[in-house]
Amino acid sequence: MPRWIWAIVCTFVLAVALTACSGQPLSTREKGTLGGGVLGAGTGAIIGAAVGHPAAGAAIGGAMGAVGGYAVGNAMQNQETQQQQTQSQMEQQQQEIERQRRELEEMRQQQQTE
């Protein structure tokens, strides 16, 4: 088996093993880092094989891919967090509106009975 294929297989196996060891689901940031690292390692191994150094290419590509994946995953996770906060605020406001509507209805009923 050519060395660059071996490097890709090893990188994939390592990524799967690391993912399987986690007891909790991966966060968006972790998914981005892992995905970027795997894609970077694969691309680096292919480019490294062209110049005779697939392992070095996989290591460099994996590191650079992980950094890029982290940046993208982090931005996505921050956006998800912001959306969750906005949703929570909207739900609280909706509950307050409903409470005020009930109070108004009770006040109307009291005025009608008087």
PDB file of N, CA and C in Angstrom:
ATOM      1  N   MET A   1       0.859  -1.177   0.000  1.00  0.00           N
ATOM      2  CA  MET A   1       0.000   0.000   0.000  1.00  0.00           C
ATOM      3  C   MET A   1       0.908   1.243   0.000  1.00  0.00           C
ATOM      4  N   PRO A   2       0.628   2.217  -0.886  1.00  0.00           N
ATOM      5  CA  PRO A   2       1.453   3.424  -0.901  1.00  0.00           C
ATOM      6  C   PRO A   2       1.387   4.163   0.443  1.00  0.00           C
ATOM      7  N   ARG A   3       2.439   4.879   0.743  1.00  0.00           N
ATOM      8  CA  ARG A   3       2.538   5.564   2.038  1.00  0.00           C
ATOM      9  C   ARG A   3       1.458   6.616   2.230  1.00  0.00           C
ATOM     10  N   TRP A   4       1.081   7.310   1.175  1.00  0.00           N
ATOM     11  CA  TRP A   4       0.086   8.380   1.341  1.00  0.00           C
ATOM     12  C   TRP A   4      -1.285   7.801   1.667  1.00  0.00           C
ATOM     13  N   ILE A   5      -1.602   6.644   1.118  1.00  0.00           N
ATOM     14  CA  ILE A   5      -2.874   6.003   1.467  1.00  0.00           C
ATOM     15  C   ILE A   5      -2.822   5.550   2.922  1.00  0.00           C
ATOM     16  N   TRP A   6      -1.665   5.001   3.319  1.00  0.00           N
ATOM     17  CA  TRP A   6      -1.479   4.581   4.706  1.00  0.00           C
ATOM     18  C   TRP A   6      -1.658   5.768   5.650  1.00  0.00           C
ATOM     19  N   ALA A   7      -1.132   6.941   5.282  1.00  0.00           N
ATOM     20  CA  ALA A   7      -1.263   8.133   6.131  1.00  0.00           C
ATOM     21  C   ALA A   7      -2.723   8.566   6.252  1.00  0.00           C
ATOM     22  N   ILE A   8      -3.453   8.504   5.167  1.00  0.00           N
ATOM     23  CA  ILE A   8      -4.874   8.878   5.192  1.00  0.00           C
ATOM     24  C   ILE A   8      -5.660   7.902   6.055  1.00  0.00           C
ATOM     25  N   VAL A   9      -5.400   6.610   5.892  1.00  0.00           N
ATOM     26  CA  VAL A   9      -6.104   5.598   6.681  1.00  0.00           C
ATOM     27  C   VAL A   9      -5.813   5.782   8.163  1.00  0.00           C
ATOM     28  N   CYS A  10      -4.549   6.000   8.509  1.00  0.00           N
ATOM     29  CA  CYS A  10      -4.183   6.206   9.918  1.00  0.00           C
ATOM     30  C   CYS A  10      -4.857   7.446  10.490  1.00  0.00           C
ATOM     31  N   THR A  11      -4.890   8.508   9.719  1.00  0.00           N
ATOM     32  CA  THR A  11      -5.537   9.738  10.181  1.00  0.00           C
ATOM     33  C   THR A  11      -7.019   9.506  10.409  1.00  0.00           C
ATOM     34  N   PHE A  12      -7.660   8.812   9.501  1.00  0.00           N
ATOM     35  CA  PHE A  12      -9.091   8.538   9.638  1.00  0.00           C
ATOM     36  C   PHE A  12      -9.360   7.668  10.859  1.00  0.00           C
ATOM     37  N   VAL A  13      -8.556   6.622  11.036  1.00  0.00           N
ATOM     38  CA  VAL A  13      -8.727   5.728  12.186  1.00  0.00           C
ATOM     39  C   VAL A  13      -8.525   6.498  13.484  1.00  0.00           C
ATOM     40  N   LEU A  14      -7.523   7.353  13.537  1.00  0.00           N
ATOM     41  CA  LEU A  14      -7.270   8.160  14.730  1.00  0.00           C
ATOM     42  C   LEU A  14      -8.446   9.092  15.015  1.00  0.00           C
ATOM     43  N   ALA A  15      -8.974   9.716  13.982  1.00  0.00           N
ATOM     44  CA  ALA A  15     -10.109  10.625  14.168  1.00  0.00           C
ATOM     45  C   ALA A  15     -11.328   9.875  14.695  1.00  0.00           C
ATOM     46  N   VAL A  16     -11.601   8.707  14.134  1.00  0.00           N
ATOM     47  CA  VAL A  16     -12.738   7.911  14.594  1.00  0.00           C
ATOM     48  C   VAL A  16     -12.527   7.456  16.036  1.00  0.00           C
ATOM     49  N   ALA A  17     -11.313   7.049  16.358  1.00  0.00           N
ATOM     50  CA  ALA A  17     -11.018   6.591  17.719  1.00  0.00           C
ATOM     51  C   ALA A  17     -11.197   7.719  18.727  1.00  0.00           C
ATOM     52  N   LEU A  18     -10.715   8.899  18.395  1.00  0.00           N
ATOM     53  CA  LEU A  18     -10.860  10.028  19.303  1.00  0.00           C
ATOM     54  C   LEU A  18     -12.320  10.419  19.484  1.00  0.00           C
ATOM     55  N   THR A  19     -13.082  10.358  18.424  1.00  0.00           N
ATOM     56  CA  THR A  19     -14.501  10.684  18.500  1.00  0.00           C
ATOM     57  C   THR A  19     -15.244   9.653  19.344  1.00  0.00           C
ATOM     58  N   ALA A  20     -14.901   8.388  19.187  1.00  0.00           N
ATOM     59  CA  ALA A  20     -15.576   7.323  19.918  1.00  0.00           C
ATOM     60  C   ALA A  20     -15.289   7.381  21.412  1.00  0.00           C
ATOM     61  N   CYS A  21     -14.166   7.942  21.810  1.00  0.00           N
ATOM     62  CA  CYS A  21     -13.800   8.004  23.228  1.00  0.00           C
ATOM     63  C   CYS A  21     -14.626   9.039  23.996  1.00  0.00           C
ATOM     64  N   SER A  22     -15.220   9.949  23.311  1.00  0.00           N
ATOM     65  CA  SER A  22     -15.992  10.996  23.973  1.00  0.00           C
ATOM     66  C   SER A  22     -17.329  10.433  24.442  1.00  0.00           C
ATOM     67  N   GLY A  23     -17.692  10.716  25.702  1.00  0.00           N
ATOM     68  CA  GLY A  23     -18.952  10.234  26.234  1.00  0.00           C
ATOM     69  C   GLY A  23     -20.124  11.115  25.854  1.00  0.00           C
ATOM     70  N   GLN A  24     -19.855  12.321  25.443  1.00  0.00           N
ATOM     71  CA  GLN A  24     -20.910  13.271  25.099  1.00  0.00           C
ATOM     72  C   GLN A  24     -20.835  13.594  23.613  1.00  0.00           C
ATOM     73  N   PRO A  25     -21.935  14.093  23.056  1.00  0.00           N
ATOM     74  CA  PRO A  25     -21.886  14.470  21.642  1.00  0.00           C
ATOM     75  C   PRO A  25     -20.898  15.613  21.438  1.00  0.00           C
ATOM     76  N   LEU A  26     -20.310  15.654  20.269  1.00  0.00           N
ATOM     77  CA  LEU A  26     -19.350  16.707  19.960  1.00  0.00           C
ATOM     78  C   LEU A  26     -20.055  18.043  19.789  1.00  0.00           C
ATOM     79  N   SER A  27     -19.411  19.090  20.247  1.00  0.00           N
ATOM     80  CA  SER A  27     -19.949  20.427  20.022  1.00  0.00           C
ATOM     81  C   SER A  27     -19.662  20.819  18.575  1.00  0.00           C
ATOM     82  N   THR A  28     -20.282  21.884  18.137  1.00  0.00           N
ATOM     83  CA  THR A  28     -20.051  22.379  16.783  1.00  0.00           C
ATOM     84  C   THR A  28     -18.581  22.742  16.598  1.00  0.00           C
ATOM     85  N   ARG A  29     -17.986  23.334  17.617  1.00  0.00           N
ATOM     86  CA  ARG A  29     -16.570  23.708  17.564  1.00  0.00           C
ATOM     87  C   ARG A  29     -15.695  22.459  17.399  1.00  0.00           C
ATOM     88  N   GLU A  30     -16.006  21.417  18.164  1.00  0.00           N
ATOM     89  CA  GLU A  30     -15.219  20.176  18.080  1.00  0.00           C
ATOM     90  C   GLU A  30     -15.416  19.487  16.730  1.00  0.00           C
ATOM     91  N   LYS A  31     -16.640  19.498  16.233  1.00  0.00           N
ATOM     92  CA  LYS A  31     -16.888  18.905  14.911  1.00  0.00           C
ATOM     93  C   LYS A  31     -16.098  19.632  13.834  1.00  0.00           C
ATOM     94  N   GLY A  32     -16.074  20.961  13.908  1.00  0.00           N
ATOM     95  CA  GLY A  32     -15.324  21.748  12.930  1.00  0.00           C
ATOM     96  C   GLY A  32     -13.835  21.461  12.998  1.00  0.00           C
ATOM     97  N   THR A  33     -13.307  21.369  14.218  1.00  0.00           N
ATOM     98  CA  THR A  33     -11.881  21.091  14.388  1.00  0.00           C
ATOM     99  C   THR A  33     -11.533  19.709  13.850  1.00  0.00           C
ATOM    100  N   LEU A  34     -12.340  18.724  14.213  1.00  0.00           N
ATOM    101  CA  LEU A  34     -12.091  17.355  13.765  1.00  0.00           C
ATOM    102  C   LEU A  34     -12.214  17.244  12.247  1.00  0.00           C
ATOM    103  N   GLY A  35     -13.273  17.802  11.695  1.00  0.00           N
ATOM    104  CA  GLY A  35     -13.473  17.739  10.243  1.00  0.00           C
ATOM    105  C   GLY A  35     -12.361  18.443   9.490  1.00  0.00           C
ATOM    106  N   GLY A  36     -11.976  19.620   9.971  1.00  0.00           N
ATOM    107  CA  GLY A  36     -10.895  20.351   9.318  1.00  0.00           C
ATOM    108  C   GLY A  36      -9.584  19.598   9.401  1.00  0.00           C
ATOM    109  N   GLY A  37      -9.334  18.985  10.555  1.00  0.00           N
ATOM    110  CA  GLY A  37      -8.101  18.226  10.716  1.00  0.00           C
ATOM    111  C   GLY A  37      -8.038  17.024   9.786  1.00  0.00           C
ATOM    112  N   VAL A  38      -9.152  16.308   9.679  1.00  0.00           N
ATOM    113  CA  VAL A  38      -9.194  15.132   8.806  1.00  0.00           C
ATOM    114  C   VAL A  38      -9.038  15.546   7.346  1.00  0.00           C
ATOM    115  N   LEU A  39      -9.774  16.565   6.928  1.00  0.00           N
ATOM    116  CA  LEU A  39      -9.651  17.019   5.536  1.00  0.00           C
ATOM    117  C   LEU A  39      -8.250  17.559   5.248  1.00  0.00           C
ATOM    118  N   GLY A  40      -7.722  18.307   6.205  1.00  0.00           N
ATOM    119  CA  GLY A  40      -6.369  18.849   6.029  1.00  0.00           C
ATOM    120  C   GLY A  40      -5.327  17.749   5.956  1.00  0.00           C
ATOM    121  N   ALA A  41      -5.460  16.737   6.806  1.00  0.00           N
ATOM    122  CA  ALA A  41      -4.499  15.626   6.804  1.00  0.00           C
ATOM    123  C   ALA A  41      -4.567  14.856   5.483  1.00  0.00           C
ATOM    124  N   GLY A  42      -5.774  14.619   5.027  1.00  0.00           N
ATOM    125  CA  GLY A  42      -5.931  13.912   3.755  1.00  0.00           C
ATOM    126  C   GLY A  42      -5.336  14.685   2.593  1.00  0.00           C
ATOM    127  N   THR A  43      -5.646  15.965   2.549  1.00  0.00           N
ATOM    128  CA  THR A  43      -5.115  16.815   1.482  1.00  0.00           C
ATOM    129  C   THR A  43      -3.605  16.921   1.600  1.00  0.00           C
ATOM    130  N   GLY A  44      -3.120  17.108   2.836  1.00  0.00           N
ATOM    131  CA  GLY A  44      -1.676  17.197   3.045  1.00  0.00           C
ATOM    132  C   GLY A  44      -0.954  15.922   2.661  1.00  0.00           C
ATOM    133  N   ALA A  45      -1.579  14.775   2.951  1.00  0.00           N
ATOM    134  CA  ALA A  45      -0.954  13.498   2.579  1.00  0.00           C
ATOM    135  C   ALA A  45      -0.861  13.353   1.070  1.00  0.00           C
ATOM    136  N   ILE A  46      -1.899  13.769   0.375  1.00  0.00           N
ATOM    137  CA  ILE A  46      -1.879  13.681  -1.094  1.00  0.00           C
ATOM    138  C   ILE A  46      -0.813  14.603  -1.664  1.00  0.00           C
ATOM    139  N   ILE A  47      -0.771  15.832  -1.179  1.00  0.00           N
ATOM    140  CA  ILE A  47       0.240  16.780  -1.666  1.00  0.00           C
ATOM    141  C   ILE A  47       1.631  16.315  -1.248  1.00  0.00           C
ATOM    142  N   GLY A  48       1.761  15.840  -0.001  1.00  0.00           N
ATOM    143  CA  GLY A  48       3.052  15.346   0.469  1.00  0.00           C
ATOM    144  C   GLY A  48       3.542  14.157  -0.333  1.00  0.00           C
ATOM    145  N   ALA A  49       2.622  13.287  -0.761  1.00  0.00           N
ATOM    146  CA  ALA A  49       3.005  12.129  -1.571  1.00  0.00           C
ATOM    147  C   ALA A  49       3.575  12.566  -2.908  1.00  0.00           C
ATOM    148  N   ALA A  50       3.087  13.668  -3.430  1.00  0.00           N
ATOM    149  CA  ALA A  50       3.575  14.163  -4.713  1.00  0.00           C
ATOM    150  C   ALA A  50       5.027  14.619  -4.621  1.00  0.00           C
ATOM    151  N   VAL A  51       5.444  15.045  -3.430  1.00  0.00           N
ATOM    152  CA  VAL A  51       6.828  15.503  -3.256  1.00  0.00           C
ATOM    153  C   VAL A  51       7.657  14.500  -2.463  1.00  0.00           C
ATOM    154  N   GLY A  52       7.082  13.336  -2.153  1.00  0.00           N
ATOM    155  CA  GLY A  52       7.827  12.278  -1.496  1.00  0.00           C
ATOM    156  C   GLY A  52       7.770  12.261   0.017  1.00  0.00           C
ATOM    157  N   HIS A  53       6.899  13.056   0.642  1.00  0.00           N
ATOM    158  CA  HIS A  53       6.800  13.107   2.101  1.00  0.00           C
ATOM    159  C   HIS A  53       5.335  13.118   2.549  1.00  0.00           C
ATOM    160  N   PRO A  54       4.633  11.992   2.370  1.00  0.00           N
ATOM    161  CA  PRO A  54       3.204  11.985   2.699  1.00  0.00           C
ATOM    162  C   PRO A  54       2.916  12.159   4.191  1.00  0.00           C
ATOM    163  N   ALA A  55       3.772  11.605   5.050  1.00  0.00           N
ATOM    164  CA  ALA A  55       3.523  11.731   6.490  1.00  0.00           C
ATOM    165  C   ALA A  55       3.682  13.188   6.944  1.00  0.00           C
ATOM    166  N   ALA A  56       4.721  13.840   6.468  1.00  0.00           N
ATOM    167  CA  ALA A  56       4.922  15.252   6.821  1.00  0.00           C
ATOM    168  C   ALA A  56       3.791  16.101   6.262  1.00  0.00           C
ATOM    169  N   GLY A  57       3.376  15.803   5.046  1.00  0.00           N
ATOM    170  CA  GLY A  57       2.261  16.542   4.446  1.00  0.00           C
ATOM    171  C   GLY A  57       0.982  16.351   5.231  1.00  0.00           C
ATOM    172  N   ALA A  58       0.741  15.105   5.692  1.00  0.00           N
ATOM    173  CA  ALA A  58      -0.462  14.833   6.475  1.00  0.00           C
ATOM    174  C   ALA A  58      -0.421  15.564   7.810  1.00  0.00           C
ATOM    175  N   ALA A  59       0.745  15.577   8.447  1.00  0.00           N
ATOM    176  CA  ALA A  59       0.872  16.265   9.744  1.00  0.00           C
ATOM    177  C   ALA A  59       0.659  17.767   9.598  1.00  0.00           C
ATOM    178  N   ILE A  60       1.305  18.352   8.612  1.00  0.00           N
ATOM    179  CA  ILE A  60       1.163  19.802   8.406  1.00  0.00           C
ATOM    180  C   ILE A  60      -0.257  20.141   7.970  1.00  0.00           C
ATOM    181  N   GLY A  61      -0.774  19.378   7.017  1.00  0.00           N
ATOM    182  CA  GLY A  61      -2.143  19.621   6.544  1.00  0.00           C
ATOM    183  C   GLY A  61      -3.165  19.411   7.639  1.00  0.00           C
ATOM    184  N   GLY A  62      -2.963  18.386   8.464  1.00  0.00           N
ATOM    185  CA  GLY A  62      -3.881  18.131   9.568  1.00  0.00           C
ATOM    186  C   GLY A  62      -3.900  19.261  10.566  1.00  0.00           C
ATOM    187  N   ALA A  63      -2.718  19.761  10.906  1.00  0.00           N
ATOM    188  CA  ALA A  63      -2.639  20.881  11.857  1.00  0.00           C
ATOM    189  C   ALA A  63      -3.298  22.129  11.297  1.00  0.00           C
ATOM    190  N   MET A  64      -3.002  22.438  10.055  1.00  0.00           N
ATOM    191  CA  MET A  64      -3.585  23.644   9.450  1.00  0.00           C
ATOM    192  C   MET A  64      -5.092  23.481   9.263  1.00  0.00           C
ATOM    193  N   GLY A  65      -5.522  22.280   8.872  1.00  0.00           N
ATOM    194  CA  GLY A  65      -6.952  22.022   8.721  1.00  0.00           C
ATOM    195  C   GLY A  65      -7.687  22.124  10.044  1.00  0.00           C
ATOM    196  N   ALA A  66      -7.056  21.626  11.123  1.00  0.00           N
ATOM    197  CA  ALA A  66      -7.677  21.701  12.443  1.00  0.00           C
ATOM    198  C   ALA A  66      -7.836  23.149  12.889  1.00  0.00           C
ATOM    199  N   VAL A  67      -6.834  23.971  12.617  1.00  0.00           N
ATOM    200  CA  VAL A  67      -6.926  25.392  12.989  1.00  0.00           C
ATOM    201  C   VAL A  67      -8.058  26.064  12.210  1.00  0.00           C
ATOM    202  N   GLY A  68      -8.118  25.797  10.910  1.00  0.00           N
ATOM    203  CA  GLY A  68      -9.196  26.376  10.102  1.00  0.00           C
ATOM    204  C   GLY A  68     -10.561  25.855  10.517  1.00  0.00           C
ATOM    205  N   GLY A  69     -10.629  24.549  10.783  1.00  0.00           N
ATOM    206  CA  GLY A  69     -11.892  23.954  11.227  1.00  0.00           C
ATOM    207  C   GLY A  69     -12.338  24.506  12.568  1.00  0.00           C
ATOM    208  N   TYR A  70     -11.376  24.748  13.463  1.00  0.00           N
ATOM    209  CA  TYR A  70     -11.702  25.333  14.765  1.00  0.00           C
ATOM    210  C   TYR A  70     -12.298  26.733  14.579  1.00  0.00           C
ATOM    211  N   ALA A  71     -11.682  27.520  13.713  1.00  0.00           N
ATOM    212  CA  ALA A  71     -12.165  28.890  13.498  1.00  0.00           C
ATOM    213  C   ALA A  71     -13.599  28.881  12.970  1.00  0.00           C
ATOM    214  N   VAL A  72     -13.871  28.031  11.996  1.00  0.00           N
ATOM    215  CA  VAL A  72     -15.218  27.948  11.428  1.00  0.00           C
ATOM    216  C   VAL A  72     -16.196  27.384  12.455  1.00  0.00           C
ATOM    217  N   GLY A  73     -15.809  26.300  13.132  1.00  0.00           N
ATOM    218  CA  GLY A  73     -16.677  25.688  14.143  1.00  0.00           C
ATOM    219  C   GLY A  73     -16.969  26.631  15.295  1.00  0.00           C
ATOM    220  N   ASN A  74     -15.960  27.395  15.705  1.00  0.00           N
ATOM    221  CA  ASN A  74     -16.147  28.353  16.794  1.00  0.00           C
ATOM    222  C   ASN A  74     -17.142  29.436  16.397  1.00  0.00           C
ATOM    223  N   ALA A  75     -17.004  29.949  15.181  1.00  0.00           N
ATOM    224  CA  ALA A  75     -17.946  30.975  14.715  1.00  0.00           C
ATOM    225  C   ALA A  75     -19.363  30.421  14.653  1.00  0.00           C
ATOM    226  N   MET A  76     -19.501  29.195  14.190  1.00  0.00           N
ATOM    227  CA  MET A  76     -20.831  28.589  14.099  1.00  0.00           C
ATOM    228  C   MET A  76     -21.421  28.352  15.487  1.00  0.00           C
ATOM    229  N   GLN A  77     -20.587  27.899  16.424  1.00  0.00           N
ATOM    230  CA  GLN A  77     -21.077  27.652  17.781  1.00  0.00           C
ATOM    231  C   GLN A  77     -21.481  28.963  18.455  1.00  0.00           C
ATOM    232  N   ASN A  78     -20.708  30.012  18.249  1.00  0.00           N
ATOM    233  CA  ASN A  78     -21.076  31.314  18.813  1.00  0.00           C
ATOM    234  C   ASN A  78     -22.402  31.797  18.256  1.00  0.00           C
ATOM    235  N   GLN A  79     -22.626  31.568  16.971  1.00  0.00           N
ATOM    236  CA  GLN A  79     -23.890  31.958  16.349  1.00  0.00           C
ATOM    237  C   GLN A  79     -25.049  31.137  16.921  1.00  0.00           C
ATOM    238  N   GLU A  80     -24.840  29.840  17.120  1.00  0.00           N
ATOM    239  CA  GLU A  80     -25.880  28.998  17.708  1.00  0.00           C
ATOM    240  C   GLU A  80     -26.228  29.460  19.117  1.00  0.00           C
ATOM    241  N   THR A  81     -25.203  29.806  19.891  1.00  0.00           N
ATOM    242  CA  THR A  81     -25.423  30.284  21.257  1.00  0.00           C
ATOM    243  C   THR A  81     -26.239  31.570  21.242  1.00  0.00           C
ATOM    244  N   GLN A  82     -25.903  32.476  20.340  1.00  0.00           N
ATOM    245  CA  GLN A  82     -26.632  33.737  20.235  1.00  0.00           C
ATOM    246  C   GLN A  82     -28.090  33.483  19.843  1.00  0.00           C
ATOM    247  N   GLN A  83     -28.326  32.556  18.930  1.00  0.00           N
ATOM    248  CA  GLN A  83     -29.688  32.235  18.523  1.00  0.00           C
ATOM    249  C   GLN A  83     -30.483  31.623  19.666  1.00  0.00           C
ATOM    250  N   GLN A  84     -29.842  30.772  20.468  1.00  0.00           N
ATOM    251  CA  GLN A  84     -30.518  30.182  21.612  1.00  0.00           C
ATOM    252  C   GLN A  84     -30.897  31.248  22.634  1.00  0.00           C
ATOM    253  N   GLN A  85     -30.005  32.202  22.856  1.00  0.00           N
ATOM    254  CA  GLN A  85     -30.302  33.287  23.795  1.00  0.00           C
ATOM    255  C   GLN A  85     -31.451  34.145  23.293  1.00  0.00           C
ATOM    256  N   THR A  86     -31.443  34.440  22.005  1.00  0.00           N
ATOM    257  CA  THR A  86     -32.517  35.235  21.416  1.00  0.00           C
ATOM    258  C   THR A  86     -33.846  34.493  21.531  1.00  0.00           C
ATOM    259  N   GLN A  87     -33.834  33.193  21.259  1.00  0.00           N
ATOM    260  CA  GLN A  87     -35.051  32.381  21.362  1.00  0.00           C
ATOM    261  C   GLN A  87     -35.573  32.375  22.797  1.00  0.00           C
ATOM    262  N   SER A  88     -34.681  32.243  23.746  1.00  0.00           N
ATOM    263  CA  SER A  88     -35.076  32.239  25.151  1.00  0.00           C
ATOM    264  C   SER A  88     -35.713  33.579  25.547  1.00  0.00           C
ATOM    265  N   GLN A  89     -35.120  34.671  25.100  1.00  0.00           N
ATOM    266  CA  GLN A  89     -35.681  35.997  25.392  1.00  0.00           C
ATOM    267  C   GLN A  89     -37.062  36.154  24.769  1.00  0.00           C
ATOM    268  N   MET A  90     -37.222  35.662  23.553  1.00  0.00           N
ATOM    269  CA  MET A  90     -38.524  35.759  22.890  1.00  0.00           C
ATOM    270  C   MET A  90     -39.579  34.959  23.643  1.00  0.00           C
ATOM    271  N   GLU A  91     -39.202  33.779  24.127  1.00  0.00           N
ATOM    272  CA  GLU A  91     -40.153  32.961  24.883  1.00  0.00           C
ATOM    273  C   GLU A  91     -40.544  33.647  26.186  1.00  0.00           C
ATOM    274  N   GLN A  92     -39.591  34.261  26.865  1.00  0.00           N
ATOM    275  CA  GLN A  92     -39.887  34.987  28.101  1.00  0.00           C
ATOM    276  C   GLN A  92     -40.825  36.160  27.827  1.00  0.00           C
ATOM    277  N   GLN A  93     -40.565  36.876  26.747  1.00  0.00           N
ATOM    278  CA  GLN A  93     -41.425  38.001  26.395  1.00  0.00           C
ATOM    279  C   GLN A  93     -42.832  37.528  26.043  1.00  0.00           C
ATOM    280  N   GLN A  94     -42.927  36.407  25.353  1.00  0.00           N
ATOM    281  CA  GLN A  94     -44.235  35.862  25.003  1.00  0.00           C
ATOM    282  C   GLN A  94     -45.011  35.470  26.257  1.00  0.00           C
ATOM    283  N   GLN A  95     -44.323  34.894  27.238  1.00  0.00           N
ATOM    284  CA  GLN A  95     -44.972  34.536  28.495  1.00  0.00           C
ATOM    285  C   GLN A  95     -45.451  35.782  29.238  1.00  0.00           C
ATOM    286  N   GLU A  96     -44.659  36.835  29.217  1.00  0.00           N
ATOM    287  CA  GLU A  96     -45.051  38.082  29.870  1.00  0.00           C
ATOM    288  C   GLU A  96     -46.263  38.703  29.168  1.00  0.00           C
ATOM    289  N   ILE A  97     -46.283  38.658  27.855  1.00  0.00           N
ATOM    290  CA  ILE A  97     -47.432  39.177  27.106  1.00  0.00           C
ATOM    291  C   ILE A  97     -48.688  38.394  27.465  1.00  0.00           C
ATOM    292  N   GLU A  98     -48.564  37.076  27.552  1.00  0.00           N
ATOM    293  CA  GLU A  98     -49.701  36.233  27.899  1.00  0.00           C
ATOM    294  C   GLU A  98     -50.196  36.539  29.317  1.00  0.00           C
ATOM    295  N   ARG A  99     -49.266  36.734  30.239  1.00  0.00           N
ATOM    296  CA  ARG A  99     -49.639  37.068  31.617  1.00  0.00           C
ATOM    297  C   ARG A  99     -50.392  38.400  31.665  1.00  0.00           C
ATOM    298  N   GLN A 100     -49.890  39.378  30.941  1.00  0.00           N
ATOM    299  CA  GLN A 100     -50.551  40.686  30.911  1.00  0.00           C
ATOM    300  C   GLN A 100     -51.918  40.599  30.243  1.00  0.00           C
ATOM    301  N   ARG A 101     -52.052  39.776  29.220  1.00  0.00           N
ATOM    302  CA  ARG A 101     -53.340  39.601  28.563  1.00  0.00           C
ATOM    303  C   ARG A 101     -54.364  39.014  29.540  1.00  0.00           C
ATOM    304  N   ARG A 102     -53.928  38.027  30.324  1.00  0.00           N
ATOM    305  CA  ARG A 102     -54.829  37.432  31.315  1.00  0.00           C
ATOM    306  C   ARG A 102     -55.243  38.470  32.370  1.00  0.00           C
ATOM    307  N   GLU A 103     -54.298  39.279  32.810  1.00  0.00           N
ATOM    308  CA  GLU A 103     -54.614  40.313  33.798  1.00  0.00           C
ATOM    309  C   GLU A 103     -55.624  41.309  33.244  1.00  0.00           C
ATOM    310  N   LEU A 104     -55.448  41.710  31.989  1.00  0.00           N
ATOM    311  CA  LEU A 104     -56.402  42.631  31.360  1.00  0.00           C
ATOM    312  C   LEU A 104     -57.791  42.006  31.267  1.00  0.00           C
ATOM    313  N   GLU A 105     -57.841  40.742  30.916  1.00  0.00           N
ATOM    314  CA  GLU A 105     -59.122  40.045  30.810  1.00  0.00           C
ATOM    315  C   GLU A 105     -59.809  39.979  32.173  1.00  0.00           C
ATOM    316  N   GLU A 106     -59.033  39.703  33.220  1.00  0.00           N
ATOM    317  CA  GLU A 106     -59.593  39.669  34.569  1.00  0.00           C
ATOM    318  C   GLU A 106     -60.113  41.047  34.985  1.00  0.00           C
ATOM    319  N   MET A 107     -59.382  42.080  34.630  1.00  0.00           N
ATOM    320  CA  MET A 107     -59.815  43.440  34.972  1.00  0.00           C
ATOM    321  C   MET A 107     -61.110  43.794  34.250  1.00  0.00           C
ATOM    322  N   ARG A 108     -61.228  43.392  32.992  1.00  0.00           N
ATOM    323  CA  ARG A 108     -62.467  43.643  32.234  1.00  0.00           C
ATOM    324  C   ARG A 108     -63.641  42.927  32.878  1.00  0.00           C
ATOM    325  N   GLN A 109     -63.412  41.696  33.267  1.00  0.00           N
ATOM    326  CA  GLN A 109     -64.496  40.916  33.899  1.00  0.00           C
ATOM    327  C   GLN A 109     -64.902  41.549  35.232  1.00  0.00           C
ATOM    328  N   GLN A 110     -63.969  42.055  35.996  1.00  0.00           N
ATOM    329  CA  GLN A 110     -64.291  42.703  37.266  1.00  0.00           C
ATOM    330  C   GLN A 110     -65.085  43.978  37.041  1.00  0.00           C
ATOM    331  N   GLN A 111     -64.737  44.729  36.005  1.00  0.00           N
ATOM    332  CA  GLN A 111     -65.460  45.969  35.704  1.00  0.00           C
ATOM    333  C   GLN A 111     -66.893  45.650  35.259  1.00  0.00           C
ATOM    334  N   GLN A 112     -67.076  44.574  34.537  1.00  0.00           N
ATOM    335  CA  GLN A 112     -68.409  44.219  34.079  1.00  0.00           C
ATOM    336  C   GLN A 112     -69.305  43.743  35.209  1.00  0.00           C
ATOM    337  N   THR A 113     -68.733  43.140  36.227  1.00  0.00           N
ATOM    338  CA  THR A 113     -69.530  42.645  37.359  1.00  0.00           C
ATOM    339  C   THR A 113     -69.851  43.754  38.346  1.00  0.00           C
ATOM    340  N   GLU A 114     -69.172  44.860  38.291  1.00  0.00           N
ATOM    341  CA  GLU A 114     -69.412  45.926  39.255  1.00  0.00           C
ATOM    342  C   GLU A 114     -70.535  46.825  38.837  1.00  0.00           C
TER     343      GLU A 114
END
